[in-house]
Every structure is written in structure tokens, then in C-alpha cells.
N, C-alpha and C. Protein backbone atom coordinates (compact mmCIF):
# COMPACT_ATOMS: atom_id res chain seq x y z
N UNK A 1 28.57 35.17 232.61
CA UNK A 1 27.84 35.22 233.69
C UNK A 1 26.93 33.85 233.95
N UNK A 2 26.95 33.52 235.34
CA UNK A 2 26.10 32.38 235.52
C UNK A 2 24.74 32.53 235.16
N UNK A 3 23.91 31.57 234.87
CA UNK A 3 22.59 31.50 234.27
C UNK A 3 21.76 31.53 235.62
N UNK A 4 21.58 32.37 236.37
CA UNK A 4 20.88 32.38 237.62
C UNK A 4 19.55 32.77 237.53
N UNK A 5 19.40 33.29 236.46
CA UNK A 5 18.02 34.16 236.22
C UNK A 5 18.39 35.64 236.57
N UNK A 6 19.22 36.02 237.07
CA UNK A 6 19.68 37.48 237.55
C UNK A 6 19.99 38.24 236.20
N UNK A 7 18.97 39.39 236.10
CA UNK A 7 19.40 40.38 234.92
C UNK A 7 19.31 41.84 235.60
N UNK A 8 20.53 42.20 235.54
CA UNK A 8 20.60 43.76 236.26
C UNK A 8 19.99 44.65 235.40
N UNK A 9 19.51 45.67 236.07
CA UNK A 9 18.85 46.86 235.44
C UNK A 9 19.96 47.56 234.50
N UNK A 10 19.63 48.52 233.81
CA UNK A 10 20.50 49.34 232.91
C UNK A 10 21.42 50.03 233.77
N UNK A 11 22.65 50.41 233.40
CA UNK A 11 23.71 51.00 234.08
C UNK A 11 23.09 52.42 234.43
N UNK A 12 23.65 52.89 235.62
CA UNK A 12 23.21 54.19 236.25
C UNK A 12 23.83 55.17 235.32
N UNK A 13 23.00 56.22 234.99
CA UNK A 13 23.35 57.11 234.06
C UNK A 13 23.93 58.54 235.02
N UNK A 14 25.48 58.88 234.43
CA UNK A 14 26.03 59.99 235.34
C UNK A 14 25.75 61.22 234.29
N UNK A 15 25.26 62.11 235.01
CA UNK A 15 24.91 63.45 234.41
C UNK A 15 25.77 64.68 234.77
N UNK A 16 26.84 64.24 235.53
CA UNK A 16 27.78 65.22 236.19
C UNK A 16 27.47 65.58 237.41
N UNK A 17 26.26 65.00 238.15
CA UNK A 17 26.46 65.20 239.62
C UNK A 17 26.09 63.76 240.39
N UNK A 18 26.63 63.82 241.63
CA UNK A 18 26.72 62.73 242.53
C UNK A 18 27.73 61.57 241.83
N UNK A 19 28.90 62.05 241.61
CA UNK A 19 30.19 61.27 240.59
C UNK A 19 30.30 59.81 241.72
N UNK A 20 30.53 60.25 242.99
CA UNK A 20 31.01 59.20 244.14
C UNK A 20 29.73 57.99 244.13
N UNK A 21 28.51 58.52 244.12
CA UNK A 21 27.47 57.56 244.19
C UNK A 21 27.84 56.84 242.75
N UNK A 22 27.84 57.57 241.70
CA UNK A 22 27.66 56.74 240.41
C UNK A 22 28.95 55.62 240.38
N UNK A 23 29.91 56.03 240.88
CA UNK A 23 31.29 55.26 240.76
C UNK A 23 30.81 53.73 241.39
N UNK A 24 30.24 53.96 242.60
CA UNK A 24 29.90 52.80 243.51
C UNK A 24 28.96 51.82 242.83
N UNK A 25 27.92 52.75 241.99
CA UNK A 25 26.81 51.82 241.31
C UNK A 25 27.54 51.22 240.08
N UNK A 26 28.23 51.95 239.36
CA UNK A 26 28.95 51.41 238.01
C UNK A 26 29.72 50.25 238.40
N UNK A 27 30.76 50.41 239.38
CA UNK A 27 31.87 49.19 239.72
C UNK A 27 31.04 48.14 240.16
N UNK A 28 29.60 48.19 240.67
CA UNK A 28 29.13 46.98 241.12
C UNK A 28 28.41 46.38 239.72
N UNK A 29 27.87 47.43 239.00
CA UNK A 29 27.27 46.84 237.57
C UNK A 29 28.23 46.25 236.72
N UNK A 30 29.58 46.85 236.76
CA UNK A 30 30.51 46.06 235.72
C UNK A 30 31.09 44.78 236.67
N UNK A 31 31.09 44.59 237.86
CA UNK A 31 31.11 43.48 238.41
C UNK A 31 30.34 42.31 238.01
N UNK A 32 28.96 42.83 238.10
CA UNK A 32 28.11 41.78 237.71
C UNK A 32 28.11 41.19 236.53
N UNK A 33 28.96 41.82 235.51
CA UNK A 33 29.09 41.14 234.04
C UNK A 33 30.44 40.81 233.98
N UNK A 34 31.36 40.59 235.16
CA UNK A 34 32.48 40.23 235.31
C UNK A 34 33.68 40.97 234.36
N UNK A 35 33.15 42.48 234.29
CA UNK A 35 33.96 43.39 233.56
C UNK A 35 35.04 44.19 234.38
N UNK A 36 34.79 44.26 235.76
CA UNK A 36 35.55 45.30 236.61
C UNK A 36 36.94 45.20 236.34
N UNK A 37 37.59 44.07 236.37
CA UNK A 37 38.99 43.82 236.22
C UNK A 37 39.63 44.52 235.28
N UNK A 38 38.95 44.68 234.06
CA UNK A 38 39.53 45.44 232.84
C UNK A 38 39.71 46.81 232.95
N UNK A 39 38.91 47.29 233.75
CA UNK A 39 38.78 49.05 234.01
C UNK A 39 40.00 49.38 234.27
N UNK A 40 40.69 48.95 235.43
CA UNK A 40 41.81 49.40 235.78
C UNK A 40 43.28 48.68 235.17
N UNK A 41 43.09 47.94 233.93
CA UNK A 41 44.15 47.20 233.51
C UNK A 41 44.12 47.79 232.09
N UNK A 42 45.35 48.63 231.69
CA UNK A 42 45.57 49.21 230.53
C UNK A 42 46.44 48.33 229.60
N UNK A 43 46.47 47.05 230.13
CA UNK A 43 47.29 46.06 229.24
C UNK A 43 46.57 45.35 228.17
N UNK A 44 46.82 45.32 226.86
CA UNK A 44 46.09 44.73 225.74
C UNK A 44 46.38 43.11 226.12
N UNK A 45 45.37 42.40 225.64
CA UNK A 45 45.62 40.92 225.88
C UNK A 45 46.89 40.59 224.79
N UNK A 46 47.97 39.60 225.22
CA UNK A 46 48.88 39.38 224.57
C UNK A 46 48.54 38.46 223.17
N UNK A 47 49.03 38.61 222.04
CA UNK A 47 48.77 38.06 220.88
C UNK A 47 48.90 36.72 220.77
N UNK A 48 48.00 35.83 220.18
CA UNK A 48 48.14 34.51 220.08
C UNK A 48 49.55 33.99 219.63
N UNK A 49 49.85 32.89 220.24
CA UNK A 49 51.03 32.24 219.68
C UNK A 49 50.58 31.42 218.46
N UNK A 50 51.60 30.97 217.62
CA UNK A 50 51.38 30.12 216.59
C UNK A 50 50.83 28.97 216.93
N UNK A 51 49.95 28.28 216.31
CA UNK A 51 49.22 27.04 216.30
C UNK A 51 48.37 27.19 217.55
N UNK A 52 47.48 28.37 218.01
CA UNK A 52 46.88 28.04 219.20
C UNK A 52 45.79 27.16 219.11
N UNK A 53 45.12 26.47 220.33
CA UNK A 53 44.13 25.54 220.31
C UNK A 53 42.80 26.47 220.28
N UNK A 54 41.87 25.86 220.13
CA UNK A 54 40.57 26.53 219.92
C UNK A 54 40.39 27.27 221.29
N UNK A 55 40.51 26.51 222.58
CA UNK A 55 40.35 27.14 223.71
C UNK A 55 41.04 28.37 223.88
N UNK A 56 42.32 28.36 223.45
CA UNK A 56 43.06 29.85 223.41
C UNK A 56 42.57 30.63 222.60
N UNK A 57 42.24 30.34 221.49
CA UNK A 57 41.39 31.17 220.67
C UNK A 57 40.04 32.05 221.28
N UNK A 58 39.39 31.02 221.92
CA UNK A 58 38.39 31.89 222.69
C UNK A 58 38.68 32.57 223.68
N UNK A 59 39.62 31.98 224.43
CA UNK A 59 39.74 32.74 225.75
C UNK A 59 40.49 34.34 225.39
N UNK A 60 41.23 34.40 224.22
CA UNK A 60 41.74 35.44 223.64
C UNK A 60 40.53 36.58 223.18
N UNK A 61 39.63 35.73 222.43
CA UNK A 61 38.50 36.52 221.72
C UNK A 61 37.79 37.06 223.19
N UNK A 62 37.55 36.48 223.92
CA UNK A 62 36.81 36.89 225.45
C UNK A 62 37.39 38.11 226.10
N UNK A 63 38.76 37.93 226.13
CA UNK A 63 39.47 39.04 226.63
C UNK A 63 39.34 40.25 225.89
N UNK A 64 39.56 40.11 224.62
CA UNK A 64 39.49 41.50 223.71
C UNK A 64 37.89 42.01 224.08
N UNK A 65 37.04 41.20 223.90
CA UNK A 65 35.61 41.32 224.11
C UNK A 65 35.20 42.01 225.19
N UNK A 66 35.62 41.60 226.25
CA UNK A 66 35.49 42.35 227.73
C UNK A 66 35.96 43.53 227.46
N UNK A 67 37.00 43.99 227.28
CA UNK A 67 37.20 45.52 227.06
C UNK A 67 36.32 46.34 226.32
N UNK A 68 35.64 45.80 225.08
CA UNK A 68 34.59 46.48 224.39
C UNK A 68 33.60 46.69 224.96
N UNK A 69 33.27 45.53 225.82
CA UNK A 69 31.97 45.42 226.45
C UNK A 69 31.90 46.55 227.62
N UNK A 70 33.12 46.76 228.34
CA UNK A 70 33.28 47.53 229.50
C UNK A 70 33.28 48.87 229.23
N UNK A 71 34.01 49.03 227.96
CA UNK A 71 34.11 50.66 227.15
C UNK A 71 32.44 50.98 226.91
N UNK A 72 31.83 49.88 226.27
CA UNK A 72 30.56 50.38 225.92
C UNK A 72 29.46 50.54 227.13
N UNK A 73 29.59 49.92 228.22
CA UNK A 73 29.01 50.05 229.58
C UNK A 73 29.35 51.56 229.87
N UNK A 74 30.68 51.80 230.09
CA UNK A 74 30.70 53.42 230.49
C UNK A 74 30.46 54.43 229.61
N UNK A 75 30.37 54.18 228.13
CA UNK A 75 29.80 55.23 227.06
C UNK A 75 28.56 55.24 227.47
N UNK A 76 27.73 54.13 227.61
CA UNK A 76 26.29 54.29 227.69
C UNK A 76 25.84 54.69 228.97
N UNK A 77 26.70 54.87 230.21
CA UNK A 77 26.17 55.14 231.21
C UNK A 77 26.51 56.57 231.69
N UNK A 78 26.77 57.48 230.57
CA UNK A 78 26.81 58.81 230.88
C UNK A 78 26.15 59.72 229.81
N UNK A 79 25.73 60.71 230.20
CA UNK A 79 24.70 61.42 229.56
C UNK A 79 25.69 62.18 228.49
N UNK A 80 25.00 62.58 227.33
CA UNK A 80 25.73 63.00 225.96
C UNK A 80 26.78 63.99 226.34
N UNK A 81 26.66 64.93 227.18
CA UNK A 81 27.36 66.09 227.70
C UNK A 81 28.70 65.58 228.17
N UNK A 82 28.60 64.44 229.15
CA UNK A 82 30.00 63.88 229.59
C UNK A 82 30.48 63.03 228.53
N UNK A 83 29.66 62.25 227.65
CA UNK A 83 30.29 61.43 226.69
C UNK A 83 31.26 62.31 225.79
N UNK A 84 30.77 63.48 225.68
CA UNK A 84 31.81 64.02 224.56
C UNK A 84 33.23 64.58 225.02
N UNK A 85 33.40 64.23 226.63
CA UNK A 85 34.63 64.42 227.15
C UNK A 85 35.44 63.19 227.23
N UNK A 86 34.77 62.20 226.97
CA UNK A 86 35.56 60.71 227.04
C UNK A 86 35.46 60.01 225.66
N UNK A 87 34.89 60.69 224.55
CA UNK A 87 34.86 59.98 223.29
C UNK A 87 36.33 59.69 222.60
N UNK A 88 36.99 60.65 222.96
CA UNK A 88 38.30 60.59 222.10
C UNK A 88 39.26 59.82 222.95
N UNK A 89 39.01 59.08 224.20
CA UNK A 89 39.85 58.37 224.90
C UNK A 89 39.86 56.90 224.03
N UNK A 90 41.13 56.38 224.04
CA UNK A 90 41.45 55.27 223.32
C UNK A 90 41.24 54.15 224.12
N UNK A 91 41.20 53.94 225.48
CA UNK A 91 41.56 52.94 226.09
C UNK A 91 40.43 53.12 227.29
N UNK A 92 39.87 51.89 227.67
CA UNK A 92 39.12 52.11 228.87
C UNK A 92 39.46 52.65 230.06
N UNK A 93 40.56 52.54 230.55
CA UNK A 93 41.35 52.95 231.61
C UNK A 93 41.39 54.60 231.56
N UNK A 94 41.56 54.88 230.31
CA UNK A 94 42.03 56.32 230.02
C UNK A 94 40.68 57.01 230.21
N UNK A 95 39.56 56.62 229.83
CA UNK A 95 38.22 57.03 229.90
C UNK A 95 37.71 57.00 231.53
N UNK A 96 38.06 55.92 232.08
CA UNK A 96 37.76 56.09 233.52
C UNK A 96 38.46 57.02 234.39
N UNK A 97 39.79 56.97 233.94
CA UNK A 97 40.80 58.06 234.70
C UNK A 97 40.43 59.40 234.24
N UNK A 98 39.93 59.68 233.33
CA UNK A 98 39.45 61.03 232.89
C UNK A 98 38.27 61.57 233.56
N UNK A 99 37.28 60.60 233.69
CA UNK A 99 35.99 61.07 234.60
C UNK A 99 36.50 61.02 235.97
N UNK A 100 37.37 60.37 236.53
CA UNK A 100 37.73 60.38 237.93
C UNK A 100 38.57 61.86 238.28
N UNK A 101 39.40 61.95 237.25
CA UNK A 101 40.25 63.36 237.47
C UNK A 101 39.60 64.67 237.31
N UNK A 102 38.19 64.33 236.70
CA UNK A 102 37.46 65.53 236.29
C UNK A 102 36.33 65.82 237.28
N UNK A 103 35.80 64.71 237.71
CA UNK A 103 34.63 64.75 238.86
C UNK A 103 35.07 64.65 240.17
N UNK A 104 36.10 63.78 240.37
CA UNK A 104 36.37 63.71 241.89
C UNK A 104 37.77 64.58 242.26
N UNK A 105 38.54 65.00 241.33
CA UNK A 105 39.42 65.95 241.42
C UNK A 105 40.88 65.19 241.47
N UNK A 106 41.77 65.88 242.00
CA UNK A 106 43.18 65.50 242.25
C UNK A 106 43.31 64.78 243.78
N UNK A 107 44.32 64.08 244.03
CA UNK A 107 44.35 63.76 245.37
C UNK A 107 44.28 64.78 246.56
N UNK A 108 44.91 65.80 246.14
CA UNK A 108 44.76 66.79 247.01
C UNK A 108 43.47 67.48 247.23
N UNK A 109 42.74 67.57 246.03
CA UNK A 109 41.33 68.12 246.18
C UNK A 109 40.38 67.03 247.20
N UNK A 110 40.75 65.61 246.94
CA UNK A 110 40.12 64.90 247.57
C UNK A 110 40.43 64.89 249.28
N UNK A 111 41.60 65.19 249.54
CA UNK A 111 42.03 65.14 251.07
C UNK A 111 41.68 66.28 251.41
N UNK A 112 41.35 67.70 250.80
CA UNK A 112 40.52 68.82 251.34
C UNK A 112 39.15 68.54 251.60
N UNK A 113 38.57 67.72 250.70
CA UNK A 113 37.17 67.39 250.90
C UNK A 113 36.89 66.54 252.21
N UNK A 114 37.78 65.37 252.31
CA UNK A 114 37.88 64.76 253.70
C UNK A 114 38.10 65.24 254.69
N UNK A 115 39.02 66.44 254.84
CA UNK A 115 39.21 67.31 256.07
C UNK A 115 38.17 68.20 256.34
N UNK A 116 37.52 68.81 255.01
CA UNK A 116 36.03 69.35 255.31
C UNK A 116 34.92 68.42 256.09
N UNK A 117 34.81 67.40 255.41
CA UNK A 117 33.74 66.32 255.93
C UNK A 117 34.13 65.79 257.42
N UNK A 118 35.36 65.72 257.82
CA UNK A 118 35.67 65.30 259.10
C UNK A 118 35.50 66.55 260.10
N UNK A 119 35.87 67.83 259.71
CA UNK A 119 35.43 68.95 260.51
C UNK A 119 33.55 68.93 260.58
N UNK A 120 33.11 68.85 259.47
CA UNK A 120 31.56 69.02 259.86
C UNK A 120 31.19 67.77 260.77
N UNK A 121 31.85 66.49 260.50
CA UNK A 121 31.31 65.36 261.27
C UNK A 121 31.58 65.83 262.79
N UNK A 122 32.97 66.46 263.07
CA UNK A 122 33.16 66.81 264.67
C UNK A 122 32.20 67.78 265.21
N UNK A 123 31.87 68.73 264.24
CA UNK A 123 31.01 69.86 264.57
C UNK A 123 29.36 69.69 264.51
N UNK A 124 28.78 68.39 264.29
CA UNK A 124 27.65 68.16 264.28
C UNK A 124 26.82 68.20 265.83
N UNK A 125 25.82 68.73 265.72
CA UNK A 125 25.15 68.99 266.76
C UNK A 125 23.71 68.79 266.73
N UNK A 126 22.89 68.16 267.55
CA UNK A 126 21.68 67.92 267.50
C UNK A 126 20.93 69.17 267.71
N UNK A 127 19.85 69.88 266.79
CA UNK A 127 19.38 70.74 267.08
C UNK A 127 17.99 70.78 267.97
N UNK A 128 17.54 71.82 268.64
CA UNK A 128 16.67 71.60 269.50
C UNK A 128 15.35 71.30 268.78
N UNK A 129 14.86 71.51 267.65
CA UNK A 129 13.70 71.23 267.21
C UNK A 129 13.85 69.88 266.41
N UNK A 130 15.00 69.45 266.42
CA UNK A 130 15.40 68.03 265.42
C UNK A 130 14.83 66.82 266.23
N UNK A 131 14.21 65.87 265.60
CA UNK A 131 14.00 64.41 266.29
C UNK A 131 15.40 63.69 266.22
N UNK A 132 15.46 62.63 266.91
CA UNK A 132 16.78 61.66 266.89
C UNK A 132 16.77 61.14 265.50
N UNK A 133 15.77 60.63 264.60
CA UNK A 133 15.98 60.19 263.35
C UNK A 133 16.64 61.27 262.34
N UNK A 134 16.15 62.46 262.19
CA UNK A 134 16.67 63.57 261.49
C UNK A 134 18.20 63.79 261.73
N UNK A 135 18.66 63.80 263.23
CA UNK A 135 19.92 64.13 263.60
C UNK A 135 20.72 62.83 263.04
N UNK A 136 20.30 61.51 263.27
CA UNK A 136 20.94 60.51 262.66
C UNK A 136 21.19 60.36 261.39
N UNK A 137 19.98 60.93 260.50
CA UNK A 137 20.17 61.05 259.08
C UNK A 137 21.37 61.97 258.59
N UNK A 138 21.43 62.99 259.25
CA UNK A 138 22.52 63.87 259.03
C UNK A 138 24.05 63.26 259.37
N UNK A 139 24.14 62.77 260.35
CA UNK A 139 25.20 62.20 260.68
C UNK A 139 25.64 61.15 259.59
N UNK A 140 24.69 60.24 259.30
CA UNK A 140 24.75 59.17 258.20
C UNK A 140 25.30 59.93 256.87
N UNK A 141 24.62 60.99 256.51
CA UNK A 141 25.10 61.50 255.14
C UNK A 141 26.46 62.10 255.20
N UNK A 142 26.90 62.52 256.47
CA UNK A 142 28.35 63.07 256.29
C UNK A 142 29.38 61.78 256.44
N UNK A 143 29.06 60.64 257.19
CA UNK A 143 29.73 59.55 257.28
C UNK A 143 29.79 58.97 255.84
N UNK A 144 28.74 58.79 255.10
CA UNK A 144 28.33 58.14 253.89
C UNK A 144 29.43 58.76 253.01
N UNK A 145 29.48 60.25 252.97
CA UNK A 145 30.20 61.13 252.21
C UNK A 145 31.54 60.73 252.34
N UNK A 146 31.95 60.63 253.41
CA UNK A 146 33.72 60.06 253.88
C UNK A 146 33.84 58.90 253.35
N UNK A 147 32.99 57.80 253.37
CA UNK A 147 33.32 56.74 252.96
C UNK A 147 33.34 56.68 251.32
N UNK A 148 32.59 57.51 250.54
CA UNK A 148 32.56 57.59 249.20
C UNK A 148 33.89 58.00 248.69
N UNK A 149 34.15 58.98 249.64
CA UNK A 149 35.77 59.44 249.11
C UNK A 149 36.95 58.66 249.58
N UNK A 150 36.53 57.21 249.96
CA UNK A 150 37.59 56.41 250.28
C UNK A 150 38.42 56.30 251.42
N UNK A 151 37.71 56.80 252.55
CA UNK A 151 38.25 56.75 253.80
C UNK A 151 37.37 56.20 254.95
């Protein structure tokens, strides 16, 4: 990370609620440390060739270390109850996918949630006692929920 004086806060803690929000925050957190790209990669760094240079040794060590740092970030950003569900995972991708499957559901579940949210959006009407700001907030809550599901 560049020495810009930026020091991100501790990772957001996931306790089983608000998974979609936690994912967005966690992705940004990992990106701040240049660790996001290793989350979706389940490929181990290639072994060093014979007679590697010092630069190659450092790069290889950095690649291996990134995987452990990212796993540590994920393990430390979940409550103990959630941690017990991923503690047996061997790889970072396996842990991330397990959380995704359990708390986001299958693709079919996600599509059903999107359909329900779109229906809610289409049926939104301003209530008589409601001010424009409150109505706008309700609209944005539904829109943001749709966005969090990736649509």
C-alpha cells in the first residue's frame, strides 16, 4: 500500500445480518490492502524455478502472504458464530463462497429476491401522511437492496 497516510479502520464485522452490506464493505476493505484479487482466485502461486532471483523470491513470498492476509481479514471480520462455519475451509475462495452460499443463497433465491424487490418498487405509492423525504427514502431503500443483489 502506498504511504499516503491512509489507515483504514478495522474490517466490518459480520454477525449474520446484513450480508449484502457487509460484502460491499469487505470488498472495499480488501481492495484498500490490495487483497481483493486473491479472494476469487483459487490458484496457488507457481513454485519457484531453479535458481530464482531475489526479486522472484520476494514476489513469490508476497503472493503467498497475500492469501494468508486476506484469509485473516475474512476470519477476523466475522463473529465467532459465523467463524465456526468457515474455520474448516482450506482456501480463501472456499471460505468466501461458503459465506456467499449460506447468506446470499443460491442463484435461484437471489432471482426470487430480485423479483420481489422489483414488485415492491413498482407498487410503491406515497402515503397521505408521508412527506416527500420519507417517500424518497423508501424508494432508495428498495433501489439499494436491488443494487446489493447485483442488478
